[in-house]
Amino acid sequence: MMDDNDEIKMISCLEDCGCPEKSIEQFLLYRKENEIKKQMSLLHRHRYDLLDILHDDQRKIDCLEYIIYRIEKGEKI
């Protein structure tokens, strides 16, 4: 069982990870009910969401890098 200080730290960490308030509330409920598999599922879902965002942003950066490369080489775009 978490004490109040542990719960505050957990909430802070989940907020820092960008978890929505509703997900944090659900996570804490699962924690109180000792539903570890549900906690893990929620965390994995958020992780996959963040990875999707990261991959989308990486594709955007790759496009910008290509444009920069072409301009630096003096090529027309």
PDB file of N, CA and C in Angstrom:
ATOM      1  N   MET A   1       0.841  -1.187   0.000  1.00  0.00           N
ATOM      2  CA  MET A   1       0.000   0.000   0.000  1.00  0.00           C
ATOM      3  C   MET A   1       0.881   1.243   0.000  1.00  0.00           C
ATOM      4  N   MET A   2       0.482   2.222  -0.786  1.00  0.00           N
ATOM      5  CA  MET A   2       1.252   3.463  -0.869  1.00  0.00           C
ATOM      6  C   MET A   2       0.848   4.394   0.256  1.00  0.00           C
ATOM      7  N   ASP A   3       1.842   5.066   0.819  1.00  0.00           N
ATOM      8  CA  ASP A   3       1.494   6.137   1.748  1.00  0.00           C
ATOM      9  C   ASP A   3       1.271   7.404   0.932  1.00  0.00           C
ATOM     10  N   ASP A   4       0.840   8.470   1.593  1.00  0.00           N
ATOM     11  CA  ASP A   4       0.498   9.710   0.889  1.00  0.00           C
ATOM     12  C   ASP A   4       1.676  10.271   0.094  1.00  0.00           C
ATOM     13  N   ASN A   5       2.872  10.179   0.661  1.00  0.00           N
ATOM     14  CA  ASN A   5       4.064  10.694  -0.009  1.00  0.00           C
ATOM     15  C   ASN A   5       4.357   9.908  -1.288  1.00  0.00           C
ATOM     16  N   ASP A   6       4.219   8.573  -1.213  1.00  0.00           N
ATOM     17  CA  ASP A   6       4.433   7.737  -2.397  1.00  0.00           C
ATOM     18  C   ASP A   6       3.405   8.056  -3.477  1.00  0.00           C
ATOM     19  N   GLU A   7       2.169   8.275  -3.074  1.00  0.00           N
ATOM     20  CA  GLU A   7       1.126   8.582  -4.046  1.00  0.00           C
ATOM     21  C   GLU A   7       1.395   9.929  -4.714  1.00  0.00           C
ATOM     22  N   ILE A   8       1.844  10.906  -3.955  1.00  0.00           N
ATOM     23  CA  ILE A   8       2.180  12.221  -4.514  1.00  0.00           C
ATOM     24  C   ILE A   8       3.313  12.085  -5.528  1.00  0.00           C
ATOM     25  N   LYS A   9       4.325  11.297  -5.185  1.00  0.00           N
ATOM     26  CA  LYS A   9       5.441  11.070  -6.108  1.00  0.00           C
ATOM     27  C   LYS A   9       4.960  10.369  -7.375  1.00  0.00           C
ATOM     28  N   MET A  10       4.082   9.383  -7.227  1.00  0.00           N
ATOM     29  CA  MET A  10       3.555   8.641  -8.371  1.00  0.00           C
ATOM     30  C   MET A  10       2.753   9.569  -9.277  1.00  0.00           C
ATOM     31  N   ILE A  11       1.905  10.387  -8.689  1.00  0.00           N
ATOM     32  CA  ILE A  11       1.110  11.333  -9.470  1.00  0.00           C
ATOM     33  C   ILE A  11       2.028  12.300 -10.223  1.00  0.00           C
ATOM     34  N   SER A  12       3.030  12.817  -9.549  1.00  0.00           N
ATOM     35  CA  SER A  12       3.974  13.742 -10.169  1.00  0.00           C
ATOM     36  C   SER A  12       4.688  13.086 -11.346  1.00  0.00           C
ATOM     37  N   CYS A  13       5.107  11.866 -11.168  1.00  0.00           N
ATOM     38  CA  CYS A  13       5.805  11.134 -12.230  1.00  0.00           C
ATOM     39  C   CYS A  13       4.881  10.903 -13.422  1.00  0.00           C
ATOM     40  N   LEU A  14       3.647  10.496 -13.153  1.00  0.00           N
ATOM     41  CA  LEU A  14       2.684  10.270 -14.235  1.00  0.00           C
ATOM     42  C   LEU A  14       2.373  11.570 -14.974  1.00  0.00           C
ATOM     43  N   GLU A  15       2.275  12.670 -14.242  1.00  0.00           N
ATOM     44  CA  GLU A  15       2.065  13.975 -14.881  1.00  0.00           C
ATOM     45  C   GLU A  15       3.257  14.337 -15.759  1.00  0.00           C
ATOM     46  N   ASP A  16       4.472  14.104 -15.232  1.00  0.00           N
ATOM     47  CA  ASP A  16       5.686  14.392 -16.001  1.00  0.00           C
ATOM     48  C   ASP A  16       5.747  13.565 -17.282  1.00  0.00           C
ATOM     49  N   CYS A  17       5.135  12.387 -17.253  1.00  0.00           N
ATOM     50  CA  CYS A  17       5.097  11.513 -18.433  1.00  0.00           C
ATOM     51  C   CYS A  17       4.017  11.931 -19.416  1.00  0.00           C
ATOM     52  N   GLY A  18       3.241  12.933 -19.050  1.00  0.00           N
ATOM     53  CA  GLY A  18       2.195  13.425 -19.935  1.00  0.00           C
ATOM     54  C   GLY A  18       0.899  12.641 -19.871  1.00  0.00           C
ATOM     55  N   CYS A  19       0.728  11.856 -18.823  1.00  0.00           N
ATOM     56  CA  CYS A  19      -0.519  11.091 -18.686  1.00  0.00           C
ATOM     57  C   CYS A  19      -1.679  12.041 -18.421  1.00  0.00           C
ATOM     58  N   PRO A  20      -2.793  11.843 -19.117  1.00  0.00           N
ATOM     59  CA  PRO A  20      -3.973  12.668 -18.850  1.00  0.00           C
ATOM     60  C   PRO A  20      -4.499  12.418 -17.435  1.00  0.00           C
ATOM     61  N   GLU A  21      -5.174  13.415 -16.890  1.00  0.00           N
ATOM     62  CA  GLU A  21      -5.694  13.319 -15.527  1.00  0.00           C
ATOM     63  C   GLU A  21      -6.577  12.085 -15.340  1.00  0.00           C
ATOM     64  N   LYS A  22      -7.411  11.799 -16.334  1.00  0.00           N
ATOM     65  CA  LYS A  22      -8.299  10.641 -16.250  1.00  0.00           C
ATOM     66  C   LYS A  22      -7.502   9.337 -16.145  1.00  0.00           C
ATOM     67  N   SER A  23      -6.420   9.237 -16.894  1.00  0.00           N
ATOM     68  CA  SER A  23      -5.569   8.044 -16.835  1.00  0.00           C
ATOM     69  C   SER A  23      -4.888   7.917 -15.479  1.00  0.00           C
ATOM     70  N   ILE A  24      -4.470   9.047 -14.925  1.00  0.00           N
ATOM     71  CA  ILE A  24      -3.833   9.024 -13.606  1.00  0.00           C
ATOM     72  C   ILE A  24      -4.824   8.543 -12.556  1.00  0.00           C
ATOM     73  N   GLU A  25      -6.040   9.063 -12.621  1.00  0.00           N
ATOM     74  CA  GLU A  25      -7.070   8.628 -11.673  1.00  0.00           C
ATOM     75  C   GLU A  25      -7.328   7.132 -11.809  1.00  0.00           C
ATOM     76  N   GLN A  26      -7.396   6.659 -13.053  1.00  0.00           N
ATOM     77  CA  GLN A  26      -7.638   5.233 -13.290  1.00  0.00           C
ATOM     78  C   GLN A  26      -6.471   4.399 -12.768  1.00  0.00           C
ATOM     79  N   PHE A  27      -5.257   4.866 -13.009  1.00  0.00           N
ATOM     80  CA  PHE A  27      -4.067   4.166 -12.531  1.00  0.00           C
ATOM     81  C   PHE A  27      -4.093   4.023 -11.008  1.00  0.00           C
ATOM     82  N   LEU A  28      -4.418   5.114 -10.322  1.00  0.00           N
ATOM     83  CA  LEU A  28      -4.453   5.079  -8.861  1.00  0.00           C
ATOM     84  C   LEU A  28      -5.557   4.157  -8.351  1.00  0.00           C
ATOM     85  N   LEU A  29      -6.680   4.135  -9.042  1.00  0.00           N
ATOM     86  CA  LEU A  29      -7.753   3.210  -8.673  1.00  0.00           C
ATOM     87  C   LEU A  29      -7.287   1.770  -8.837  1.00  0.00           C
ATOM     88  N   TYR A  30      -6.650   1.471  -9.960  1.00  0.00           N
ATOM     89  CA  TYR A  30      -6.110   0.123 -10.171  1.00  0.00           C
ATOM     90  C   TYR A  30      -5.094  -0.222  -9.088  1.00  0.00           C
ATOM     91  N   ARG A  31      -4.307   0.767  -8.696  1.00  0.00           N
ATOM     92  CA  ARG A  31      -3.288   0.521  -7.657  1.00  0.00           C
ATOM     93  C   ARG A  31      -3.953   0.168  -6.323  1.00  0.00           C
ATOM     94  N   LYS A  32      -4.994   0.903  -5.971  1.00  0.00           N
ATOM     95  CA  LYS A  32      -5.702   0.622  -4.719  1.00  0.00           C
ATOM     96  C   LYS A  32      -6.362  -0.750  -4.738  1.00  0.00           C
ATOM     97  N   GLU A  33      -6.799  -1.177  -5.939  1.00  0.00           N
ATOM     98  CA  GLU A  33      -7.459  -2.469  -6.087  1.00  0.00           C
ATOM     99  C   GLU A  33      -6.468  -3.597  -6.368  1.00  0.00           C
ATOM    100  N   ASN A  34      -5.172  -3.260  -6.363  1.00  0.00           N
ATOM    101  CA  ASN A  34      -4.101  -4.213  -6.627  1.00  0.00           C
ATOM    102  C   ASN A  34      -4.262  -4.888  -7.998  1.00  0.00           C
ATOM    103  N   GLU A  35      -4.693  -4.120  -8.977  1.00  0.00           N
ATOM    104  CA  GLU A  35      -4.890  -4.597 -10.346  1.00  0.00           C
ATOM    105  C   GLU A  35      -3.635  -4.272 -11.163  1.00  0.00           C
ATOM    106  N   ILE A  36      -2.590  -5.030 -10.926  1.00  0.00           N
ATOM    107  CA  ILE A  36      -1.291  -4.752 -11.541  1.00  0.00           C
ATOM    108  C   ILE A  36      -1.352  -4.884 -13.062  1.00  0.00           C
ATOM    109  N   LYS A  37      -2.023  -5.897 -13.571  1.00  0.00           N
ATOM    110  CA  LYS A  37      -2.109  -6.068 -15.028  1.00  0.00           C
ATOM    111  C   LYS A  37      -2.803  -4.878 -15.681  1.00  0.00           C
ATOM    112  N   LYS A  38      -3.812  -4.353 -15.042  1.00  0.00           N
ATOM    113  CA  LYS A  38      -4.509  -3.188 -15.588  1.00  0.00           C
ATOM    114  C   LYS A  38      -3.628  -1.946 -15.518  1.00  0.00           C
ATOM    115  N   GLN A  39      -2.856  -1.817 -14.446  1.00  0.00           N
ATOM    116  CA  GLN A  39      -1.912  -0.704 -14.340  1.00  0.00           C
ATOM    117  C   GLN A  39      -0.906  -0.771 -15.486  1.00  0.00           C
ATOM    118  N   MET A  40      -0.350  -1.957 -15.681  1.00  0.00           N
ATOM    119  CA  MET A  40       0.654  -2.132 -16.725  1.00  0.00           C
ATOM    120  C   MET A  40       0.065  -1.864 -18.105  1.00  0.00           C
ATOM    121  N   SER A  41      -1.149  -2.309 -18.328  1.00  0.00           N
ATOM    122  CA  SER A  41      -1.808  -2.072 -19.607  1.00  0.00           C
ATOM    123  C   SER A  41      -1.975  -0.575 -19.864  1.00  0.00           C
ATOM    124  N   LEU A  42      -2.396   0.152 -18.865  1.00  0.00           N
ATOM    125  CA  LEU A  42      -2.563   1.593 -18.989  1.00  0.00           C
ATOM    126  C   LEU A  42      -1.225   2.264 -19.305  1.00  0.00           C
ATOM    127  N   LEU A  43      -0.171   1.864 -18.600  1.00  0.00           N
ATOM    128  CA  LEU A  43       1.146   2.450 -18.823  1.00  0.00           C
ATOM    129  C   LEU A  43       1.678   2.105 -20.212  1.00  0.00           C
ATOM    130  N   HIS A  44       1.483   0.866 -20.640  1.00  0.00           N
ATOM    131  CA  HIS A  44       1.945   0.461 -21.970  1.00  0.00           C
ATOM    132  C   HIS A  44       1.193   1.227 -23.066  1.00  0.00           C
ATOM    133  N   ARG A  45      -0.099   1.420 -22.890  1.00  0.00           N
ATOM    134  CA  ARG A  45      -0.873   2.184 -23.867  1.00  0.00           C
ATOM    135  C   ARG A  45      -0.332   3.602 -23.998  1.00  0.00           C
ATOM    136  N   HIS A  46      -0.055   4.229 -22.865  1.00  0.00           N
ATOM    137  CA  HIS A  46       0.470   5.601 -22.905  1.00  0.00           C
ATOM    138  C   HIS A  46       1.858   5.615 -23.561  1.00  0.00           C
ATOM    139  N   ARG A  47       2.662   4.625 -23.253  1.00  0.00           N
ATOM    140  CA  ARG A  47       3.994   4.524 -23.860  1.00  0.00           C
ATOM    141  C   ARG A  47       3.883   4.417 -25.377  1.00  0.00           C
ATOM    142  N   TYR A  48       2.980   3.574 -25.867  1.00  0.00           N
ATOM    143  CA  TYR A  48       2.790   3.431 -27.309  1.00  0.00           C
ATOM    144  C   TYR A  48       2.298   4.732 -27.936  1.00  0.00           C
ATOM    145  N   ASP A  49       1.420   5.436 -27.240  1.00  0.00           N
ATOM    146  CA  ASP A  49       0.945   6.733 -27.733  1.00  0.00           C
ATOM    147  C   ASP A  49       2.105   7.713 -27.873  1.00  0.00           C
ATOM    148  N   LEU A  50       2.978   7.740 -26.856  1.00  0.00           N
ATOM    149  CA  LEU A  50       4.138   8.633 -26.911  1.00  0.00           C
ATOM    150  C   LEU A  50       5.081   8.242 -28.041  1.00  0.00           C
ATOM    151  N   LEU A  51       5.269   6.945 -28.254  1.00  0.00           N
ATOM    152  CA  LEU A  51       6.132   6.492 -29.341  1.00  0.00           C
ATOM    153  C   LEU A  51       5.558   6.878 -30.701  1.00  0.00           C
ATOM    154  N   ASP A  52       4.242   6.803 -30.847  1.00  0.00           N
ATOM    155  CA  ASP A  52       3.618   7.226 -32.101  1.00  0.00           C
ATOM    156  C   ASP A  52       3.896   8.698 -32.370  1.00  0.00           C
ATOM    157  N   ILE A  53       3.777   9.517 -31.341  1.00  0.00           N
ATOM    158  CA  ILE A  53       4.062  10.944 -31.474  1.00  0.00           C
ATOM    159  C   ILE A  53       5.528  11.160 -31.848  1.00  0.00           C
ATOM    160  N   LEU A  54       6.401  10.430 -31.172  1.00  0.00           N
ATOM    161  CA  LEU A  54       7.839  10.531 -31.439  1.00  0.00           C
ATOM    162  C   LEU A  54       8.152  10.161 -32.883  1.00  0.00           C
ATOM    163  N   HIS A  55       7.559   9.078 -33.363  1.00  0.00           N
ATOM    164  CA  HIS A  55       7.819   8.637 -34.732  1.00  0.00           C
ATOM    165  C   HIS A  55       7.279   9.638 -35.747  1.00  0.00           C
ATOM    166  N   ASP A  56       6.112  10.191 -35.483  1.00  0.00           N
ATOM    167  CA  ASP A  56       5.571  11.229 -36.370  1.00  0.00           C
ATOM    168  C   ASP A  56       6.496  12.440 -36.417  1.00  0.00           C
ATOM    169  N   ASP A  57       6.963  12.864 -35.250  1.00  0.00           N
ATOM    170  CA  ASP A  57       7.876  14.009 -35.196  1.00  0.00           C
ATOM    171  C   ASP A  57       9.203  13.692 -35.888  1.00  0.00           C
ATOM    172  N   GLN A  58       9.679  12.454 -35.772  1.00  0.00           N
ATOM    173  CA  GLN A  58      10.924  12.076 -36.440  1.00  0.00           C
ATOM    174  C   GLN A  58      10.774  12.149 -37.954  1.00  0.00           C
ATOM    175  N   ARG A  59       9.614  11.729 -38.476  1.00  0.00           N
ATOM    176  CA  ARG A  59       9.372  11.836 -39.919  1.00  0.00           C
ATOM    177  C   ARG A  59       9.386  13.302 -40.359  1.00  0.00           C
ATOM    178  N   LYS A  60       8.830  14.178 -39.542  1.00  0.00           N
ATOM    179  CA  LYS A  60       8.834  15.606 -39.862  1.00  0.00           C
ATOM    180  C   LYS A  60      10.260  16.147 -39.885  1.00  0.00           C
ATOM    181  N   ILE A  61      11.057  15.733 -38.907  1.00  0.00           N
ATOM    182  CA  ILE A  61      12.457  16.170 -38.852  1.00  0.00           C
ATOM    183  C   ILE A  61      13.211  15.654 -40.072  1.00  0.00           C
ATOM    184  N   ASP A  62      12.965  14.413 -40.459  1.00  0.00           N
ATOM    185  CA  ASP A  62      13.617  13.850 -41.642  1.00  0.00           C
ATOM    186  C   ASP A  62      13.285  14.662 -42.891  1.00  0.00           C
ATOM    187  N   CYS A  63      12.031  15.075 -43.023  1.00  0.00           N
ATOM    188  CA  CYS A  63      11.638  15.907 -44.170  1.00  0.00           C
ATOM    189  C   CYS A  63      12.371  17.240 -44.157  1.00  0.00           C
ATOM    190  N   LEU A  64      12.443  17.864 -42.989  1.00  0.00           N
ATOM    191  CA  LEU A  64      13.175  19.126 -42.883  1.00  0.00           C
ATOM    192  C   LEU A  64      14.651  18.946 -43.213  1.00  0.00           C
ATOM    193  N   GLU A  65      15.241  17.882 -42.734  1.00  0.00           N
ATOM    194  CA  GLU A  65      16.651  17.605 -43.012  1.00  0.00           C
ATOM    195  C   GLU A  65      16.895  17.436 -44.506  1.00  0.00           C
ATOM    196  N   TYR A  66      15.950  16.793 -45.193  1.00  0.00           N
ATOM    197  CA  TYR A  66      16.069  16.616 -46.638  1.00  0.00           C
ATOM    198  C   TYR A  66      16.030  17.964 -47.355  1.00  0.00           C
ATOM    199  N   ILE A  67      15.107  18.820 -46.948  1.00  0.00           N
ATOM    200  CA  ILE A  67      15.011  20.151 -47.558  1.00  0.00           C
ATOM    201  C   ILE A  67      16.288  20.945 -47.298  1.00  0.00           C
ATOM    202  N   ILE A  68      16.764  20.923 -46.068  1.00  0.00           N
ATOM    203  CA  ILE A  68      18.005  21.628 -45.710  1.00  0.00           C
ATOM    204  C   ILE A  68      19.165  21.100 -46.551  1.00  0.00           C
ATOM    205  N   TYR A  69      19.268  19.800 -46.669  1.00  0.00           N
ATOM    206  CA  TYR A  69      20.339  19.175 -47.461  1.00  0.00           C
ATOM    207  C   TYR A  69      20.291  19.671 -48.914  1.00  0.00           C
ATOM    208  N   ARG A  70      19.089  19.662 -49.504  1.00  0.00           N
ATOM    209  CA  ARG A  70      18.951  20.072 -50.905  1.00  0.00           C
ATOM    210  C   ARG A  70      19.329  21.546 -51.069  1.00  0.00           C
ATOM    211  N   ILE A  71      18.901  22.393 -50.128  1.00  0.00           N
ATOM    212  CA  ILE A  71      19.242  23.820 -50.226  1.00  0.00           C
ATOM    213  C   ILE A  71      20.740  24.022 -50.083  1.00  0.00           C
ATOM    214  N   GLU A  72      21.365  23.342 -49.128  1.00  0.00           N
ATOM    215  CA  GLU A  72      22.808  23.480 -48.929  1.00  0.00           C
ATOM    216  C   GLU A  72      23.594  22.998 -50.149  1.00  0.00           C
ATOM    217  N   LYS A  73      23.072  22.059 -50.886  1.00  0.00           N
ATOM    218  CA  LYS A  73      23.732  21.553 -52.092  1.00  0.00           C
ATOM    219  C   LYS A  73      23.448  22.442 -53.301  1.00  0.00           C
ATOM    220  N   GLY A  74      22.619  23.462 -53.087  1.00  0.00           N
ATOM    221  CA  GLY A  74      22.294  24.384 -54.158  1.00  0.00           C
ATOM    222  C   GLY A  74      21.281  23.834 -55.144  1.00  0.00           C
ATOM    223  N   GLU A  75      20.578  22.809 -54.749  1.00  0.00           N
ATOM    224  CA  GLU A  75      19.579  22.197 -55.616  1.00  0.00           C
ATOM    225  C   GLU A  75      18.259  22.949 -55.497  1.00  0.00           C
ATOM    226  N   LYS A  76      17.513  22.922 -56.593  1.00  0.00           N
ATOM    227  CA  LYS A  76      16.193  23.531 -56.574  1.00  0.00           C
ATOM    228  C   LYS A  76      15.230  22.584 -55.861  1.00  0.00           C
ATOM    229  N   ILE A  77      14.291  23.203 -55.197  1.00  0.00           N
ATOM    230  CA  ILE A  77      13.277  22.414 -54.477  1.00  0.00           C
ATOM    231  C   ILE A  77      11.945  22.579 -55.155  1.00  0.00           C
TER     232      ILE A  77
END
